[in-house]
C-alpha atoms as a PDB file:
ATOM      1  CA  UNK A   1      -0.083  -0.045   0.292  1.00  0.00           C
ATOM      2  CA  UNK A   2       1.243   3.367  -0.583  1.00  0.00           C
ATOM      3  CA  UNK A   3      -0.854   5.465   0.479  1.00  0.00           C
ATOM      4  CA  UNK A   4       0.999   8.484   1.953  1.00  0.00           C
ATOM      5  CA  UNK A   5       0.718   8.123   6.059  1.00  0.00           C
ATOM      6  CA  UNK A   6       1.814   4.703   5.490  1.00  0.00           C
ATOM      7  CA  UNK A   7       4.916   5.876   3.424  1.00  0.00           C
ATOM      8  CA  UNK A   8       5.632   8.600   6.416  1.00  0.00           C
ATOM      9  CA  UNK A   9       5.275   6.615   9.503  1.00  0.00           C
ATOM     10  CA  UNK A  10       7.643   3.587   7.791  1.00  0.00           C
ATOM     11  CA  UNK A  11      10.453   6.639   7.185  1.00  0.00           C
ATOM     12  CA  UNK A  12       9.718   7.268  10.545  1.00  0.00           C
ATOM     13  CA  UNK A  13      10.243   4.079  12.164  1.00  0.00           C
ATOM     14  CA  UNK A  14      13.155   3.151   9.555  1.00  0.00           C
ATOM     15  CA  UNK A  15      15.134   5.952  10.617  1.00  0.00           C
ATOM     16  CA  UNK A  16      14.619   5.316  14.769  1.00  0.00           C
ATOM     17  CA  UNK A  17      15.737   1.904  14.126  1.00  0.00           C
ATOM     18  CA  UNK A  18      18.793   3.031  11.936  1.00  0.00           C
ATOM     19  CA  UNK A  19      19.490   5.588  15.071  1.00  0.00           C
ATOM     20  CA  UNK A  20      18.494   2.950  17.799  1.00  0.00           C
ATOM     21  CA  UNK A  21      21.313   0.443  16.041  1.00  0.00           C
ATOM     22  CA  UNK A  22      23.661   2.801  15.287  1.00  0.00           C
ATOM     23  CA  UNK A  23      24.865   4.562  18.716  1.00  0.00           C
ATOM     24  CA  UNK A  24      26.208   2.483  21.405  1.00  0.00           C
ATOM     25  CA  UNK A  25      24.446   4.181  24.158  1.00  0.00           C
ATOM     26  CA  UNK A  26      21.154   3.517  23.449  1.00  0.00           C
ATOM     27  CA  UNK A  27      20.926  -0.210  23.278  1.00  0.00           C
ATOM     28  CA  UNK A  28      22.592   0.309  27.191  1.00  0.00           C
ATOM     29  CA  UNK A  29      20.023   3.086  27.945  1.00  0.00           C
ATOM     30  CA  UNK A  30      17.032   0.620  26.590  1.00  0.00           C
ATOM     31  CA  UNK A  31      18.159  -2.165  28.927  1.00  0.00           C
ATOM     32  CA  UNK A  32      18.814   0.272  31.453  1.00  0.00           C
ATOM     33  CA  UNK A  33      15.020   1.177  31.262  1.00  0.00           C
ATOM     34  CA  UNK A  34      14.056  -2.327  31.343  1.00  0.00           C
ATOM     35  CA  UNK A  35      16.037  -3.073  34.567  1.00  0.00           C
ATOM     36  CA  UNK A  36      14.403  -0.040  36.439  1.00  0.00           C
ATOM     37  CA  UNK A  37      11.273  -1.219  35.491  1.00  0.00           C
ATOM     38  CA  UNK A  38      11.410  -4.571  36.270  1.00  0.00           C
ATOM     39  CA  UNK A  39      12.491  -3.706  40.094  1.00  0.00           C
ATOM     40  CA  UNK A  40       9.980  -1.184  40.315  1.00  0.00           C
ATOM     41  CA  UNK A  41       7.421  -3.324  39.333  1.00  0.00           C
ATOM     42  CA  UNK A  42       8.211  -6.149  41.484  1.00  0.00           C
ATOM     43  CA  UNK A  43       8.700  -3.612  44.640  1.00  0.00           C
ATOM     44  CA  UNK A  44       4.479  -2.797  43.683  1.00  0.00           C
ATOM     45  CA  UNK A  45       3.869  -6.786  43.642  1.00  0.00           C
ATOM     46  CA  UNK A  46       5.582  -7.117  46.751  1.00  0.00           C
ATOM     47  CA  UNK A  47       3.900  -3.982  48.715  1.00  0.00           C
ATOM     48  CA  UNK A  48       0.549  -5.343  46.999  1.00  0.00           C
ATOM     49  CA  UNK A  49       1.072  -8.621  48.486  1.00  0.00           C
ATOM     50  CA  UNK A  50       1.724  -7.479  51.573  1.00  0.00           C
ATOM     51  CA  UNK A  51      -0.699  -5.214  51.805  1.00  0.00           C
ATOM     52  CA  UNK A  52      -3.975  -7.858  50.510  1.00  0.00           C
ATOM     53  CA  UNK A  53      -2.046 -10.373  53.378  1.00  0.00           C
ATOM     54  CA  UNK A  54      -2.749  -7.638  56.388  1.00  0.00           C
ATOM     55  CA  UNK A  55      -5.692  -6.413  55.187  1.00  0.00           C
ATOM     56  CA  UNK A  56      -7.312 -10.641  55.625  1.00  0.00           C
ATOM     57  CA  UNK A  57      -5.509 -10.187  58.410  1.00  0.00           C
ATOM     58  CA  UNK A  58      -7.736  -7.255  59.951  1.00  0.00           C
ATOM     59  CA  UNK A  59     -10.647  -8.480  58.477  1.00  0.00           C
ATOM     60  CA  UNK A  60      -9.796 -12.416  59.845  1.00  0.00           C
ATOM     61  CA  UNK A  61      -9.782 -10.197  63.401  1.00  0.00           C
ATOM     62  CA  UNK A  62     -12.992  -8.156  62.881  1.00  0.00           C
ATOM     63  CA  UNK A  63     -15.331 -11.691  61.949  1.00  0.00           C
ATOM     64  CA  UNK A  64     -13.536 -13.354  65.204  1.00  0.00           C
ATOM     65  CA  UNK A  65     -14.353 -10.417  67.142  1.00  0.00           C
ATOM     66  CA  UNK A  66     -17.923  -9.460  65.928  1.00  0.00           C
ATOM     67  CA  UNK A  67     -18.952 -13.219  65.259  1.00  0.00           C
ATOM     68  CA  UNK A  68     -18.859 -12.842  61.540  1.00  0.00           C
ATOM     69  CA  UNK A  69     -21.473 -10.099  61.301  1.00  0.00           C
ATOM     70  CA  UNK A  70     -24.938 -11.389  62.413  1.00  0.00           C
ATOM     71  CA  UNK A  71     -26.600 -12.133  59.451  1.00  0.00           C
ATOM     72  CA  UNK A  72     -29.998 -10.829  60.561  1.00  0.00           C
ATOM     73  CA  UNK A  73     -29.219  -7.173  58.656  1.00  0.00           C
ATOM     74  CA  UNK A  74     -33.323  -5.936  59.461  1.00  0.00           C
ATOM     75  CA  UNK A  75     -32.195  -3.590  56.997  1.00  0.00           C
ATOM     76  CA  UNK A  76     -34.607  -0.777  58.973  1.00  0.00           C
ATOM     77  CA  UNK A  77     -37.879  -2.766  58.622  1.00  0.00           C
ATOM     78  CA  UNK A  78     -39.877  -3.643  61.947  1.00  0.00           C
END
């Protein structure tokens, strides 16, 4: 397909790929970004797991304290 936008985007993408392949520091920079992103994702996952376990623990404590919530509910109707 020879639509002008496709030709333009192909040329832009080709130029970016050429610059990424020829610049020696750009590859290292990309690897650094991947490593940093992986570390941040790991920390976020660890914190999410910790918070979830703490919330579930407190939920268990509340259920034990209040006897599971009763189940009567009433809803305001006498």
